[in-house]
Full PDB file with SEQRES, HELIX, SHEET, SSBOND, CRYST1, ORIGX, SCALE, CONECT and MASTER records, all heavy atoms in Angstrom:
SEQRES   1 A   42  ALA TRP TYR ARG GLN THR PRO GLY THR GLN ARG THR LEU          
SEQRES   2 A   42  VAL ALA ASP ILE ALA THR TYR GLY TYR ILE THR TYR ALA          
SEQRES   3 A   42  ASP SER VAL LYS GLY ARG PHE THR ILE SER ARG ASP SER          
SEQRES   4 A   42  ALA LYS THR                                                  
HELIX    1 AA1 ASP A   27  VAL A   29  5                                   3    
SHEET    1 AA1 3 TRP A   2  ARG A   4  0                                        
SHEET    2 AA1 3 THR A  12  ILE A  17 -1                                        
SHEET    3 AA1 3 ILE A  23  TYR A  25 -1                                        
CRYST1    1.000    1.000    1.000  90.00  90.00  90.00 P 1           1          
ORIGX1      1.000000  0.000000  0.000000        0.00000                         
ORIGX2      0.000000  1.000000  0.000000        0.00000                         
ORIGX3      0.000000  0.000000  1.000000        0.00000                         
SCALE1      1.000000  0.000000  0.000000        0.00000                         
SCALE2      0.000000  1.000000  0.000000        0.00000                         
SCALE3      0.000000  0.000000  1.000000        0.00000                         
ATOM      1  N   ALA A   1      -0.574  -2.676   4.909  1.00  0.00           N  
ATOM      2  CA  ALA A   1      -1.073  -1.716   3.938  1.00  0.00           C  
ATOM      3  C   ALA A   1      -0.509  -0.333   4.261  1.00  0.00           C  
ATOM      4  O   ALA A   1      -0.175  -0.081   5.395  1.00  0.00           O  
ATOM      5  CB  ALA A   1      -2.599  -1.625   3.965  1.00  0.00           C  
ATOM      6  N   TRP A   2      -0.395   0.522   3.250  1.00  0.00           N  
ATOM      7  CA  TRP A   2      -0.077   1.869   3.378  1.00  0.00           C  
ATOM      8  C   TRP A   2      -1.280   2.738   2.935  1.00  0.00           C  
ATOM      9  O   TRP A   2      -1.795   2.446   1.850  1.00  0.00           O  
ATOM     10  CB  TRP A   2       1.178   2.276   2.551  1.00  0.00           C  
ATOM     11  CG  TRP A   2       2.439   1.767   3.030  1.00  0.00           C  
ATOM     12  CD1 TRP A   2       3.088   0.594   2.684  1.00  0.00           C  
ATOM     13  CD2 TRP A   2       3.260   2.367   4.039  1.00  0.00           C  
ATOM     14  NE1 TRP A   2       4.254   0.412   3.414  1.00  0.00           N  
ATOM     15  CE2 TRP A   2       4.412   1.531   4.263  1.00  0.00           C  
ATOM     16  CE3 TRP A   2       3.188   3.535   4.758  1.00  0.00           C  
ATOM     17  CZ2 TRP A   2       5.461   1.839   5.119  1.00  0.00           C  
ATOM     18  CZ3 TRP A   2       4.191   3.821   5.664  1.00  0.00           C  
ATOM     19  CH2 TRP A   2       5.333   2.963   5.786  1.00  0.00           C  
ATOM     20  N   TYR A   3      -1.640   3.673   3.796  1.00  0.00           N  
ATOM     21  CA  TYR A   3      -2.718   4.578   3.459  1.00  0.00           C  
ATOM     22  C   TYR A   3      -2.131   5.986   3.468  1.00  0.00           C  
ATOM     23  O   TYR A   3      -1.150   6.301   4.114  1.00  0.00           O  
ATOM     24  CB  TYR A   3      -3.818   4.520   4.570  1.00  0.00           C  
ATOM     25  CG  TYR A   3      -4.703   3.344   4.439  1.00  0.00           C  
ATOM     26  CD1 TYR A   3      -4.319   2.055   4.779  1.00  0.00           C  
ATOM     27  CD2 TYR A   3      -6.006   3.464   4.007  1.00  0.00           C  
ATOM     28  CE1 TYR A   3      -5.189   0.960   4.645  1.00  0.00           C  
ATOM     29  CE2 TYR A   3      -6.911   2.402   3.881  1.00  0.00           C  
ATOM     30  CZ  TYR A   3      -6.486   1.168   4.259  1.00  0.00           C  
ATOM     31  OH  TYR A   3      -7.356   0.108   4.153  1.00  0.00           O  
ATOM     32  N   ARG A   4      -2.832   6.859   2.727  1.00  0.00           N  
ATOM     33  CA  ARG A   4      -2.519   8.254   2.692  1.00  0.00           C  
ATOM     34  C   ARG A   4      -3.685   9.119   3.116  1.00  0.00           C  
ATOM     35  O   ARG A   4      -4.865   8.760   2.748  1.00  0.00           O  
ATOM     36  CB  ARG A   4      -2.048   8.660   1.282  1.00  0.00           C  
ATOM     37  CG  ARG A   4      -1.749  10.168   1.109  1.00  0.00           C  
ATOM     38  CD  ARG A   4      -1.159  10.412  -0.272  1.00  0.00           C  
ATOM     39  NE  ARG A   4      -2.066  10.095  -1.320  1.00  0.00           N  
ATOM     40  CZ  ARG A   4      -1.784   9.413  -2.419  1.00  0.00           C  
ATOM     41  NH1 ARG A   4      -0.545   8.891  -2.563  1.00  0.00           N  
ATOM     42  NH2 ARG A   4      -2.720   9.133  -3.373  1.00  0.00           N  
ATOM     43  N   GLN A   5      -3.408  10.104   3.825  1.00  0.00           N  
ATOM     44  CA  GLN A   5      -4.468  11.023   4.248  1.00  0.00           C  
ATOM     45  C   GLN A   5      -4.045  12.488   4.076  1.00  0.00           C  
ATOM     46  O   GLN A   5      -2.911  12.860   4.419  1.00  0.00           O  
ATOM     47  CB  GLN A   5      -4.893  10.781   5.708  1.00  0.00           C  
ATOM     48  CG  GLN A   5      -6.110  11.613   6.212  1.00  0.00           C  
ATOM     49  CD  GLN A   5      -6.519  11.152   7.587  1.00  0.00           C  
ATOM     50  OE1 GLN A   5      -5.756  10.716   8.349  1.00  0.00           O  
ATOM     51  NE2 GLN A   5      -7.846  11.353   7.814  1.00  0.00           N  
ATOM     52  N   THR A   6      -4.941  13.282   3.481  1.00  0.00           N  
ATOM     53  CA  THR A   6      -4.701  14.699   3.388  1.00  0.00           C  
ATOM     54  C   THR A   6      -5.767  15.419   4.240  1.00  0.00           C  
ATOM     55  O   THR A   6      -6.793  14.840   4.576  1.00  0.00           O  
ATOM     56  CB  THR A   6      -4.817  15.172   1.951  1.00  0.00           C  
ATOM     57  OG1 THR A   6      -6.035  14.766   1.338  1.00  0.00           O  
ATOM     58  CG2 THR A   6      -3.689  14.565   1.066  1.00  0.00           C  
ATOM     59  N   PRO A   7      -5.514  16.686   4.589  1.00  0.00           N  
ATOM     60  CA  PRO A   7      -6.454  17.403   5.459  1.00  0.00           C  
ATOM     61  C   PRO A   7      -7.853  17.415   4.952  1.00  0.00           C  
ATOM     62  O   PRO A   7      -8.080  17.714   3.778  1.00  0.00           O  
ATOM     63  CB  PRO A   7      -5.818  18.811   5.518  1.00  0.00           C  
ATOM     64  CG  PRO A   7      -4.362  18.598   5.315  1.00  0.00           C  
ATOM     65  CD  PRO A   7      -4.295  17.493   4.300  1.00  0.00           C  
ATOM     66  N   GLY A   8      -8.744  17.080   5.856  1.00  0.00           N  
ATOM     67  CA  GLY A   8     -10.170  17.109   5.457  1.00  0.00           C  
ATOM     68  C   GLY A   8     -10.670  15.889   4.688  1.00  0.00           C  
ATOM     69  O   GLY A   8     -11.821  15.897   4.254  1.00  0.00           O  
ATOM     70  N   THR A   9      -9.824  14.892   4.540  1.00  0.00           N  
ATOM     71  CA  THR A   9     -10.243  13.711   3.775  1.00  0.00           C  
ATOM     72  C   THR A   9     -10.019  12.472   4.640  1.00  0.00           C  
ATOM     73  O   THR A   9      -9.338  12.457   5.575  1.00  0.00           O  
ATOM     74  CB  THR A   9      -9.455  13.586   2.418  1.00  0.00           C  
ATOM     75  OG1 THR A   9      -8.053  13.257   2.714  1.00  0.00           O  
ATOM     76  CG2 THR A   9      -9.501  14.847   1.629  1.00  0.00           C  
ATOM     77  N   GLN A  10     -10.696  11.400   4.161  1.00  0.00           N  
ATOM     78  CA  GLN A  10     -10.379  10.096   4.804  1.00  0.00           C  
ATOM     79  C   GLN A  10      -9.128   9.438   4.275  1.00  0.00           C  
ATOM     80  O   GLN A  10      -8.677   9.804   3.243  1.00  0.00           O  
ATOM     81  CB  GLN A  10     -11.620   9.200   4.543  1.00  0.00           C  
ATOM     82  CG  GLN A  10     -12.879   9.561   5.181  1.00  0.00           C  
ATOM     83  CD  GLN A  10     -14.006   8.598   4.974  1.00  0.00           C  
ATOM     84  OE1 GLN A  10     -14.027   7.895   3.952  1.00  0.00           O  
ATOM     85  NE2 GLN A  10     -14.912   8.460   5.930  1.00  0.00           N  
ATOM     86  N   ARG A  11      -8.634   8.559   5.060  1.00  0.00           N  
ATOM     87  CA  ARG A  11      -7.499   7.774   4.609  1.00  0.00           C  
ATOM     88  C   ARG A  11      -7.855   6.960   3.382  1.00  0.00           C  
ATOM     89  O   ARG A  11      -8.958   6.330   3.404  1.00  0.00           O  
ATOM     90  CB  ARG A  11      -6.947   6.893   5.764  1.00  0.00           C  
ATOM     91  CG  ARG A  11      -6.408   7.667   6.977  1.00  0.00           C  
ATOM     92  CD  ARG A  11      -5.935   6.758   7.997  1.00  0.00           C  
ATOM     93  NE  ARG A  11      -5.609   7.518   9.202  1.00  0.00           N  
ATOM     94  CZ  ARG A  11      -5.186   7.004  10.352  1.00  0.00           C  
ATOM     95  NH1 ARG A  11      -4.931   5.663  10.437  1.00  0.00           N  
ATOM     96  NH2 ARG A  11      -4.899   7.758  11.386  1.00  0.00           N  
ATOM     97  N   THR A  12      -6.971   6.922   2.425  1.00  0.00           N  
ATOM     98  CA  THR A  12      -7.237   6.115   1.285  1.00  0.00           C  
ATOM     99  C   THR A  12      -6.090   5.162   1.084  1.00  0.00           C  
ATOM    100  O   THR A  12      -4.960   5.448   1.407  1.00  0.00           O  
ATOM    101  CB  THR A  12      -7.393   6.920   0.019  1.00  0.00           C  
ATOM    102  OG1 THR A  12      -6.156   7.785  -0.188  1.00  0.00           O  
ATOM    103  CG2 THR A  12      -8.536   7.910   0.050  1.00  0.00           C  
ATOM    104  N   LEU A  13      -6.402   3.933   0.553  1.00  0.00           N  
ATOM    105  CA  LEU A  13      -5.447   2.914   0.341  1.00  0.00           C  
ATOM    106  C   LEU A  13      -4.520   3.226  -0.722  1.00  0.00           C  
ATOM    107  O   LEU A  13      -4.910   3.591  -1.849  1.00  0.00           O  
ATOM    108  CB  LEU A  13      -6.144   1.610   0.109  1.00  0.00           C  
ATOM    109  CG  LEU A  13      -5.219   0.377  -0.123  1.00  0.00           C  
ATOM    110  CD1 LEU A  13      -4.512   0.030   1.181  1.00  0.00           C  
ATOM    111  CD2 LEU A  13      -6.052  -0.801  -0.610  1.00  0.00           C  
ATOM    112  N   VAL A  14      -3.198   3.132  -0.471  1.00  0.00           N  
ATOM    113  CA  VAL A  14      -2.186   3.331  -1.472  1.00  0.00           C  
ATOM    114  C   VAL A  14      -1.705   2.013  -2.006  1.00  0.00           C  
ATOM    115  O   VAL A  14      -1.620   1.867  -3.226  1.00  0.00           O  
ATOM    116  CB  VAL A  14      -0.973   4.122  -0.872  1.00  0.00           C  
ATOM    117  CG1 VAL A  14       0.119   4.229  -1.865  1.00  0.00           C  
ATOM    118  CG2 VAL A  14      -1.439   5.524  -0.420  1.00  0.00           C  
ATOM    119  N   ALA A  15      -1.422   1.092  -1.121  1.00  0.00           N  
ATOM    120  CA  ALA A  15      -0.950  -0.228  -1.537  1.00  0.00           C  
ATOM    121  C   ALA A  15      -1.108  -1.164  -0.368  1.00  0.00           C  
ATOM    122  O   ALA A  15      -1.087  -0.768   0.800  1.00  0.00           O  
ATOM    123  CB  ALA A  15       0.534  -0.199  -1.979  1.00  0.00           C  
ATOM    124  N   ASP A  16      -1.264  -2.482  -0.690  1.00  0.00           N  
ATOM    125  CA  ASP A  16      -1.299  -3.469   0.355  1.00  0.00           C  
ATOM    126  C   ASP A  16      -0.693  -4.752  -0.124  1.00  0.00           C  
ATOM    127  O   ASP A  16      -0.578  -5.019  -1.329  1.00  0.00           O  
ATOM    128  CB  ASP A  16      -2.664  -3.653   0.978  1.00  0.00           C  
ATOM    129  CG  ASP A  16      -3.688  -4.243   0.060  1.00  0.00           C  
ATOM    130  OD1 ASP A  16      -3.382  -4.517  -1.090  1.00  0.00           O  
ATOM    131  OD2 ASP A  16      -4.846  -4.469   0.459  1.00  0.00           O  
ATOM    132  N   ILE A  17      -0.271  -5.564   0.859  1.00  0.00           N  
ATOM    133  CA  ILE A  17       0.311  -6.835   0.555  1.00  0.00           C  
ATOM    134  C   ILE A  17      -0.344  -7.880   1.536  1.00  0.00           C  
ATOM    135  O   ILE A  17      -0.344  -7.700   2.721  1.00  0.00           O  
ATOM    136  CB  ILE A  17       1.868  -6.783   0.674  1.00  0.00           C  
ATOM    137  CG1 ILE A  17       2.473  -8.183   0.437  1.00  0.00           C  
ATOM    138  CG2 ILE A  17       2.307  -6.292   2.016  1.00  0.00           C  
ATOM    139  CD1 ILE A  17       3.991  -8.111   0.203  1.00  0.00           C  
ATOM    140  N   ALA A  18      -0.863  -8.893   0.927  1.00  0.00           N  
ATOM    141  CA  ALA A  18      -1.610  -9.908   1.744  1.00  0.00           C  
ATOM    142  C   ALA A  18      -0.634 -10.911   2.344  1.00  0.00           C  
ATOM    143  O   ALA A  18       0.571 -10.931   2.021  1.00  0.00           O  
ATOM    144  CB  ALA A  18      -2.655 -10.584   0.871  1.00  0.00           C  
ATOM    145  N   THR A  19      -1.223 -11.781   3.138  1.00  0.00           N  
ATOM    146  CA  THR A  19      -0.433 -12.765   3.843  1.00  0.00           C  
ATOM    147  C   THR A  19       0.485 -13.596   2.899  1.00  0.00           C  
ATOM    148  O   THR A  19       1.649 -13.764   3.209  1.00  0.00           O  
ATOM    149  CB  THR A  19      -1.327 -13.751   4.654  1.00  0.00           C  
ATOM    150  OG1 THR A  19      -2.110 -12.958   5.522  1.00  0.00           O  
ATOM    151  CG2 THR A  19      -0.492 -14.749   5.386  1.00  0.00           C  
ATOM    152  N   TYR A  20      -0.052 -14.007   1.812  1.00  0.00           N  
ATOM    153  CA  TYR A  20       0.729 -14.846   0.911  1.00  0.00           C  
ATOM    154  C   TYR A  20       1.398 -14.062  -0.205  1.00  0.00           C  
ATOM    155  O   TYR A  20       1.820 -14.636  -1.231  1.00  0.00           O  
ATOM    156  CB  TYR A  20      -0.175 -15.980   0.359  1.00  0.00           C  
ATOM    157  CG  TYR A  20      -0.557 -16.924   1.506  1.00  0.00           C  
ATOM    158  CD1 TYR A  20      -1.861 -16.878   1.997  1.00  0.00           C  
ATOM    159  CD2 TYR A  20       0.328 -17.745   2.128  1.00  0.00           C  
ATOM    160  CE1 TYR A  20      -2.237 -17.673   2.989  1.00  0.00           C  
ATOM    161  CE2 TYR A  20      -0.064 -18.533   3.161  1.00  0.00           C  
ATOM    162  CZ  TYR A  20      -1.350 -18.520   3.611  1.00  0.00           C  
ATOM    163  OH  TYR A  20      -1.716 -19.374   4.676  1.00  0.00           O  
ATOM    164  N   GLY A  21       1.378 -12.750  -0.073  1.00  0.00           N  
ATOM    165  CA  GLY A  21       2.199 -11.944  -0.950  1.00  0.00           C  
ATOM    166  C   GLY A  21       1.443 -11.234  -2.112  1.00  0.00           C  
ATOM    167  O   GLY A  21       1.996 -10.521  -2.924  1.00  0.00           O  
ATOM    168  N   TYR A  22       0.097 -11.419  -2.142  1.00  0.00           N  
ATOM    169  CA  TYR A  22      -0.659 -10.746  -3.194  1.00  0.00           C  
ATOM    170  C   TYR A  22      -0.672  -9.223  -2.931  1.00  0.00           C  
ATOM    171  O   TYR A  22      -0.919  -8.789  -1.841  1.00  0.00           O  
ATOM    172  CB  TYR A  22      -2.084 -11.285  -3.259  1.00  0.00           C  
ATOM    173  CG  TYR A  22      -2.883 -10.760  -4.419  1.00  0.00           C  
ATOM    174  CD1 TYR A  22      -2.697 -11.196  -5.691  1.00  0.00           C  
ATOM    175  CD2 TYR A  22      -3.770  -9.691  -4.283  1.00  0.00           C  
ATOM    176  CE1 TYR A  22      -3.383 -10.707  -6.813  1.00  0.00           C  
ATOM    177  CE2 TYR A  22      -4.510  -9.181  -5.348  1.00  0.00           C  
ATOM    178  CZ  TYR A  22      -4.289  -9.718  -6.548  1.00  0.00           C  
ATOM    179  OH  TYR A  22      -5.057  -9.185  -7.596  1.00  0.00           O  
ATOM    180  N   ILE A  23      -0.339  -8.490  -3.996  1.00  0.00           N  
ATOM    181  CA  ILE A  23      -0.148  -7.030  -3.843  1.00  0.00           C  
ATOM    182  C   ILE A  23      -1.196  -6.315  -4.701  1.00  0.00           C  
ATOM    183  O   ILE A  23      -1.501  -6.715  -5.859  1.00  0.00           O  
ATOM    184  CB  ILE A  23       1.276  -6.615  -4.229  1.00  0.00           C  
ATOM    185  CG1 ILE A  23       2.309  -7.170  -3.180  1.00  0.00           C  
ATOM    186  CG2 ILE A  23       1.401  -5.150  -4.383  1.00  0.00           C  
ATOM    187  CD1 ILE A  23       3.715  -6.970  -3.628  1.00  0.00           C  
ATOM    188  N   THR A  24      -1.731  -5.224  -4.152  1.00  0.00           N  
ATOM    189  CA  THR A  24      -2.524  -4.338  -4.905  1.00  0.00           C  
ATOM    190  C   THR A  24      -2.009  -2.865  -4.740  1.00  0.00           C  
ATOM    191  O   THR A  24      -1.501  -2.534  -3.693  1.00  0.00           O  
ATOM    192  CB  THR A  24      -4.013  -4.392  -4.513  1.00  0.00           C  
ATOM    193  OG1 THR A  24      -4.163  -4.038  -3.157  1.00  0.00           O  
ATOM    194  CG2 THR A  24      -4.569  -5.806  -4.690  1.00  0.00           C  
ATOM    195  N   TYR A  25      -2.256  -2.061  -5.750  1.00  0.00           N  
ATOM    196  CA  TYR A  25      -1.918  -0.671  -5.722  1.00  0.00           C  
ATOM    197  C   TYR A  25      -3.084   0.157  -6.160  1.00  0.00           C  
ATOM    198  O   TYR A  25      -3.935  -0.210  -6.989  1.00  0.00           O  
ATOM    199  CB  TYR A  25      -0.779  -0.355  -6.692  1.00  0.00           C  
ATOM    200  CG  TYR A  25       0.542  -1.028  -6.298  1.00  0.00           C  
ATOM    201  CD1 TYR A  25       0.973  -2.170  -6.951  1.00  0.00           C  
ATOM    202  CD2 TYR A  25       1.365  -0.480  -5.335  1.00  0.00           C  
ATOM    203  CE1 TYR A  25       2.192  -2.822  -6.615  1.00  0.00           C  
ATOM    204  CE2 TYR A  25       2.600  -1.073  -5.000  1.00  0.00           C  
ATOM    205  CZ  TYR A  25       2.981  -2.220  -5.612  1.00  0.00           C  
ATOM    206  OH  TYR A  25       4.159  -2.816  -5.276  1.00  0.00           O  
ATOM    207  N   ALA A  26      -3.158   1.355  -5.592  1.00  0.00           N  
ATOM    208  CA  ALA A  26      -4.146   2.341  -6.147  1.00  0.00           C  
ATOM    209  C   ALA A  26      -3.687   2.718  -7.534  1.00  0.00           C  
ATOM    210  O   ALA A  26      -2.492   2.730  -7.870  1.00  0.00           O  
ATOM    211  CB  ALA A  26      -4.110   3.600  -5.271  1.00  0.00           C  
ATOM    212  N   ASP A  27      -4.663   2.963  -8.377  1.00  0.00           N  
ATOM    213  CA  ASP A  27      -4.319   3.284  -9.794  1.00  0.00           C  
ATOM    214  C   ASP A  27      -3.334   4.465  -9.907  1.00  0.00           C  
ATOM    215  O   ASP A  27      -2.483   4.454 -10.818  1.00  0.00           O  
ATOM    216  CB  ASP A  27      -5.646   3.645 -10.582  1.00  0.00           C  
ATOM    217  CG  ASP A  27      -6.443   2.327 -10.814  1.00  0.00           C  
ATOM    218  OD1 ASP A  27      -5.950   1.188 -10.748  1.00  0.00           O  
ATOM    219  OD2 ASP A  27      -7.652   2.524 -11.135  1.00  0.00           O  
ATOM    220  N   SER A  28      -3.461   5.422  -9.017  1.00  0.00           N  
ATOM    221  CA  SER A  28      -2.676   6.590  -9.091  1.00  0.00           C  
ATOM    222  C   SER A  28      -1.199   6.383  -8.802  1.00  0.00           C  
ATOM    223  O   SER A  28      -0.367   7.213  -9.180  1.00  0.00           O  
ATOM    224  CB  SER A  28      -3.159   7.656  -8.085  1.00  0.00           C  
ATOM    225  OG  SER A  28      -3.059   7.202  -6.771  1.00  0.00           O  
ATOM    226  N   VAL A  29      -0.836   5.250  -8.247  1.00  0.00           N  
ATOM    227  CA  VAL A  29       0.562   5.000  -7.869  1.00  0.00           C  
ATOM    228  C   VAL A  29       1.180   3.789  -8.647  1.00  0.00           C  
ATOM    229  O   VAL A  29       2.369   3.513  -8.466  1.00  0.00           O  
ATOM    230  CB  VAL A  29       0.736   4.799  -6.367  1.00  0.00           C  
ATOM    231  CG1 VAL A  29       0.140   5.929  -5.607  1.00  0.00           C  
ATOM    232  CG2 VAL A  29       0.183   3.457  -5.893  1.00  0.00           C  
ATOM    233  N   LYS A  30       0.337   3.130  -9.437  1.00  0.00           N  
ATOM    234  CA  LYS A  30       0.824   1.969 -10.153  1.00  0.00           C  
ATOM    235  C   LYS A  30       2.049   2.331 -11.030  1.00  0.00           C  
ATOM    236  O   LYS A  30       1.997   3.348 -11.726  1.00  0.00           O  
ATOM    237  CB  LYS A  30      -0.247   1.312 -10.983  1.00  0.00           C  
ATOM    238  CG  LYS A  30      -1.252   0.520 -10.195  1.00  0.00           C  
ATOM    239  CD  LYS A  30      -2.358  -0.085 -11.120  1.00  0.00           C  
ATOM    240  CE  LYS A  30      -3.313  -0.862 -10.264  1.00  0.00           C  
ATOM    241  NZ  LYS A  30      -4.455  -1.371 -11.090  1.00  0.00           N  
ATOM    242  N   GLY A  31       3.103   1.530 -10.998  1.00  0.00           N  
ATOM    243  CA  GLY A  31       4.216   1.831 -11.799  1.00  0.00           C  
ATOM    244  C   GLY A  31       5.264   2.785 -11.148  1.00  0.00           C  
ATOM    245  O   GLY A  31       6.383   2.908 -11.621  1.00  0.00           O  
ATOM    246  N   ARG A  32       4.840   3.408 -10.046  1.00  0.00           N  
ATOM    247  CA  ARG A  32       5.729   4.345  -9.375  1.00  0.00           C  
ATOM    248  C   ARG A  32       6.050   3.874  -7.928  1.00  0.00           C  
ATOM    249  O   ARG A  32       7.186   4.157  -7.454  1.00  0.00           O  
ATOM    250  CB  ARG A  32       5.054   5.704  -9.283  1.00  0.00           C  
ATOM    251  CG  ARG A  32       4.791   6.335 -10.673  1.00  0.00           C  
ATOM    252  CD  ARG A  32       4.324   7.810 -10.549  1.00  0.00           C  
ATOM    253  NE  ARG A  32       3.080   7.928  -9.798  1.00  0.00           N  
ATOM    254  CZ  ARG A  32       2.994   8.650  -8.656  1.00  0.00           C  
ATOM    255  NH1 ARG A  32       4.008   9.284  -8.126  1.00  0.00           N  
ATOM    256  NH2 ARG A  32       1.758   8.721  -8.028  1.00  0.00           N  
ATOM    257  N   PHE A  33       5.156   3.233  -7.283  1.00  0.00           N  
ATOM    258  CA  PHE A  33       5.380   2.818  -5.878  1.00  0.00           C  
ATOM    259  C   PHE A  33       5.479   1.276  -5.847  1.00  0.00           C  
ATOM    260  O   PHE A  33       4.941   0.581  -6.605  1.00  0.00           O  
ATOM    261  CB  PHE A  33       4.100   3.217  -5.044  1.00  0.00           C  
ATOM    262  CG  PHE A  33       3.974   4.662  -4.758  1.00  0.00           C  
ATOM    263  CD1 PHE A  33       4.730   5.665  -5.495  1.00  0.00           C  
ATOM    264  CD2 PHE A  33       3.124   5.153  -3.784  1.00  0.00           C  
ATOM    265  CE1 PHE A  33       4.537   6.976  -5.183  1.00  0.00           C  
ATOM    266  CE2 PHE A  33       2.967   6.477  -3.493  1.00  0.00           C  
ATOM    267  CZ  PHE A  33       3.658   7.393  -4.241  1.00  0.00           C  
ATOM    268  N   THR A  34       6.258   0.851  -4.829  1.00  0.00           N  
ATOM    269  CA  THR A  34       6.456  -0.552  -4.609  1.00  0.00           C  
ATOM    270  C   THR A  34       6.377  -0.870  -3.094  1.00  0.00           C  
ATOM    271  O   THR A  34       7.068  -0.197  -2.326  1.00  0.00           O  
ATOM    272  CB  THR A  34       7.817  -1.048  -5.139  1.00  0.00           C  
ATOM    273  OG1 THR A  34       7.979  -0.714  -6.559  1.00  0.00           O  
ATOM    274  CG2 THR A  34       7.976  -2.510  -4.927  1.00  0.00           C  
ATOM    275  N   ILE A  35       5.453  -1.796  -2.783  1.00  0.00           N  
ATOM    276  CA  ILE A  35       5.334  -2.172  -1.406  1.00  0.00           C  
ATOM    277  C   ILE A  35       6.057  -3.492  -1.179  1.00  0.00           C  
ATOM    278  O   ILE A  35       6.108  -4.346  -2.104  1.00  0.00           O  
ATOM    279  CB  ILE A  35       3.829  -2.335  -1.011  1.00  0.00           C  
ATOM    280  CG1 ILE A  35       3.670  -2.551   0.465  1.00  0.00           C  
ATOM    281  CG2 ILE A  35       3.184  -3.411  -1.842  1.00  0.00           C  
ATOM    282  CD1 ILE A  35       2.174  -2.504   0.937  1.00  0.00           C  
ATOM    283  N   SER A  36       6.667  -3.634  -0.012  1.00  0.00           N  
ATOM    284  CA  SER A  36       7.375  -4.832   0.267  1.00  0.00           C  
ATOM    285  C   SER A  36       7.514  -4.998   1.807  1.00  0.00           C  
ATOM    286  O   SER A  36       7.136  -4.078   2.597  1.00  0.00           O  
ATOM    287  CB  SER A  36       8.782  -4.885  -0.335  1.00  0.00           C  
ATOM    288  OG  SER A  36       9.575  -3.791   0.160  1.00  0.00           O  
ATOM    289  N   ARG A  37       7.995  -6.131   2.251  1.00  0.00           N  
ATOM    290  CA  ARG A  37       8.253  -6.397   3.664  1.00  0.00           C  
ATOM    291  C   ARG A  37       9.377  -7.311   3.773  1.00  0.00           C  
ATOM    292  O   ARG A  37       9.720  -8.072   2.860  1.00  0.00           O  
ATOM    293  CB  ARG A  37       6.998  -6.903   4.373  1.00  0.00           C  
ATOM    294  CG  ARG A  37       6.526  -8.221   3.893  1.00  0.00           C  
ATOM    295  CD  ARG A  37       5.176  -8.641   4.389  1.00  0.00           C  
ATOM    296  NE  ARG A  37       4.667  -9.815   3.690  1.00  0.00           N  
ATOM    297  CZ  ARG A  37       3.463 -10.189   3.601  1.00  0.00           C  
ATOM    298  NH1 ARG A  37       2.504  -9.530   4.341  1.00  0.00           N  
ATOM    299  NH2 ARG A  37       3.104 -11.265   2.939  1.00  0.00           N  
ATOM    300  N   ASP A  38       9.984  -7.344   4.996  1.00  0.00           N  
ATOM    301  CA  ASP A  38      11.107  -8.222   5.135  1.00  0.00           C  
ATOM    302  C   ASP A  38      10.624  -9.653   5.430  1.00  0.00           C  
ATOM    303  O   ASP A  38       9.415  -9.874   5.635  1.00  0.00           O  
ATOM    304  CB  ASP A  38      12.083  -7.752   6.234  1.00  0.00           C  
ATOM    305  CG  ASP A  38      11.464  -7.744   7.592  1.00  0.00           C  
ATOM    306  OD1 ASP A  38      10.277  -8.113   7.754  1.00  0.00           O  
ATOM    307  OD2 ASP A  38      12.194  -7.359   8.539  1.00  0.00           O  
ATOM    308  N   SER A  39      11.532 -10.628   5.393  1.00  0.00           N  
ATOM    309  CA  SER A  39      11.126 -12.024   5.566  1.00  0.00           C  
ATOM    310  C   SER A  39      10.560 -12.316   6.902  1.00  0.00           C  
ATOM    311  O   SER A  39       9.755 -13.205   7.112  1.00  0.00           O  
ATOM    312  CB  SER A  39      12.354 -12.980   5.239  1.00  0.00           C  
ATOM    313  OG  SER A  39      13.396 -12.662   6.121  1.00  0.00           O  
ATOM    314  N   ALA A  40      10.949 -11.497   7.909  1.00  0.00           N  
ATOM    315  CA  ALA A  40      10.439 -11.706   9.278  1.00  0.00           C  
ATOM    316  C   ALA A  40       9.068 -11.078   9.447  1.00  0.00           C  
ATOM    317  O   ALA A  40       8.392 -11.311  10.447  1.00  0.00           O  
ATOM    318  CB  ALA A  40      11.419 -11.122  10.275  1.00  0.00           C  
ATOM    319  N   LYS A  41       8.704 -10.319   8.484  1.00  0.00           N  
ATOM    320  CA  LYS A  41       7.427  -9.577   8.495  1.00  0.00           C  
ATOM    321  C   LYS A  41       7.301  -8.641   9.685  1.00  0.00           C  
ATOM    322  O   LYS A  41       6.193  -8.506  10.276  1.00  0.00           O  
ATOM    323  CB  LYS A  41       6.184 -10.586   8.431  1.00  0.00           C  
ATOM    324  CG  LYS A  41       6.153 -11.352   7.112  1.00  0.00           C  
ATOM    325  CD  LYS A  41       4.936 -12.241   7.071  1.00  0.00           C  
ATOM    326  CE  LYS A  41       4.807 -12.934   5.747  1.00  0.00           C  
ATOM    327  NZ  LYS A  41       5.939 -13.860   5.490  1.00  0.00           N  
ATOM    328  N   THR A  42       8.405  -8.028  10.068  1.00  0.00           N  
ATOM    329  CA  THR A  42       8.386  -7.079  11.098  1.00  0.00           C  
ATOM    330  C   THR A  42       8.778  -5.665  10.641  1.00  0.00           C  
ATOM    331  O   THR A  42       8.777  -4.686  11.415  1.00  0.00           O  
ATOM    332  CB  THR A  42       9.356  -7.456  12.224  1.00  0.00           C  
ATOM    333  OG1 THR A  42      10.655  -7.599  11.720  1.00  0.00           O  
ATOM    334  CG2 THR A  42       8.932  -8.729  12.927  1.00  0.00           C  
TER     335      THR A  42                                                      
MASTER        0    0    0    1    3    0    0    6  334    1    0    4          
END                                                                             
């Protein structure tokens, strides 16, 4: 997962990708951000 934090706030989820590839995005970044990982998952 990728989280974002600004001063004085908690970390908020930006995007995540589950074990089998299911992806979610925060509404604010949908259509603009893309999360991915390599095949080795490193």
